[in-house]
Amino acid sequence: SMERVGAVDRFRRYLEMSGMPQSFHEVQLGDAIESGEIGIICDICETQVRTTQFLWSCQSGESTILHATSYDVCDTCFSQHALGIASA
């Protein structure tokens, strides 16, 4: 199932799964917050998710055969496709 998470929290999860040292996580997180970009895109519209946004992410993360990486959907696409709410 999908859960709504802040982009920075989603990026933290990504870093934890990367296997890189904790010191690397802090540097990458700081750089992402400073730039406003986390390098995660919506898997539907392929728009970059900014650090100030929320997104919907698969709770199973990478541990499913359906997708090799966590499935991430921006709020706009989730509202449009799951709830039938047209974007403004």
Protein backbone atom coordinates (compact mmCIF):
# COMPACT_ATOMS: atom_id res chain seq x y z
CA SER A 1 0.00 0.00 0.00
CA MET A 2 0.98 3.62 -0.43
CA GLU A 3 1.75 6.08 2.36
CA ARG A 4 2.09 9.85 2.22
CA VAL A 5 5.53 11.02 3.36
CA GLY A 6 7.51 14.23 3.27
CA ALA A 7 10.14 14.35 0.54
CA VAL A 8 12.99 14.76 3.05
CA ASP A 9 11.82 11.69 5.01
CA ARG A 10 11.60 9.71 1.76
CA PHE A 11 15.15 10.80 0.90
CA ARG A 12 16.31 9.66 4.35
CA ARG A 13 14.84 6.22 3.66
CA TYR A 14 16.62 6.11 0.34
CA LEU A 15 19.94 6.96 2.00
CA GLU A 16 19.42 4.29 4.67
CA MET A 17 18.82 1.68 1.97
CA SER A 18 21.90 2.79 0.03
CA GLY A 19 24.35 1.08 2.37
CA MET A 20 26.59 4.15 2.44
CA PRO A 21 28.18 5.34 5.71
CA GLN A 22 26.08 7.51 8.03
CA SER A 23 28.48 10.45 7.54
CA PHE A 24 27.66 10.32 3.81
CA HIS A 25 23.93 10.46 4.64
CA GLU A 26 24.32 13.70 6.59
CA VAL A 27 26.27 15.40 3.78
CA GLN A 28 23.80 14.29 1.12
CA LEU A 29 20.80 15.31 3.21
CA GLY A 30 22.31 18.74 3.89
CA ASP A 31 23.04 19.26 0.19
CA ALA A 32 19.51 18.20 -0.75
CA ILE A 33 17.87 20.54 1.73
CA GLU A 34 20.09 23.43 0.62
CA SER A 35 19.37 22.87 -3.08
CA GLY A 36 15.70 21.96 -2.62
CA GLU A 37 16.17 18.85 -4.77
CA ILE A 38 16.33 15.27 -3.58
CA GLY A 39 16.73 13.44 -6.88
CA ILE A 40 13.42 11.57 -6.56
CA ILE A 41 10.95 11.80 -9.41
CA CYS A 42 7.29 10.92 -9.64
CA ASP A 43 6.97 7.53 -11.32
CA ILE A 44 3.86 8.73 -13.17
CA CYS A 45 4.60 12.25 -14.47
CA GLU A 46 8.40 12.12 -14.06
CA THR A 47 8.45 15.50 -12.30
CA GLN A 48 11.22 16.08 -9.75
CA VAL A 49 9.87 16.15 -6.19
CA ARG A 50 11.13 19.16 -4.20
CA THR A 51 12.19 18.95 -0.55
CA THR A 52 9.16 21.00 0.53
CA GLN A 53 6.67 18.60 -1.06
CA PHE A 54 4.96 15.39 -0.03
CA LEU A 55 4.71 12.24 -2.07
CA TRP A 56 3.09 8.85 -1.90
CA SER A 57 5.53 5.99 -1.57
CA CYS A 58 5.12 2.23 -1.52
CA GLN A 59 5.41 0.94 2.05
CA SER A 60 7.12 -2.20 0.75
CA GLY A 61 10.01 -0.12 -0.52
CA GLU A 62 12.30 -2.18 -2.71
CA SER A 63 11.15 -5.52 -1.31
CA THR A 64 8.56 -6.31 -3.97
CA ILE A 65 8.81 -7.98 -7.36
CA LEU A 66 6.49 -5.38 -8.89
CA HIS A 67 9.12 -2.63 -8.88
CA ALA A 68 12.85 -2.79 -8.24
CA THR A 69 12.88 0.59 -6.53
CA SER A 70 10.32 2.21 -4.28
CA TYR A 71 7.34 3.46 -6.21
CA ASP A 72 6.92 7.21 -5.68
CA VAL A 73 3.96 9.33 -6.77
CA CYS A 74 3.63 13.10 -6.33
CA ASP A 75 0.56 14.55 -4.57
CA THR A 76 -0.81 15.92 -7.85
CA CYS A 77 -0.73 12.56 -9.64
CA PHE A 78 -2.08 10.72 -6.60
CA SER A 79 -5.01 13.15 -6.34
CA GLN A 80 -5.71 12.89 -10.04
CA HIS A 81 -5.35 9.13 -10.53
CA ALA A 82 -6.38 7.66 -7.17
CA LEU A 83 -8.99 10.18 -6.09
CA GLY A 84 -10.21 11.51 -9.46
CA ILE A 85 -9.45 15.13 -8.54
CA ALA A 86 -8.42 17.14 -11.59
CA SER A 87 -5.39 19.40 -11.18
CA ALA A 88 -5.97 23.14 -11.27
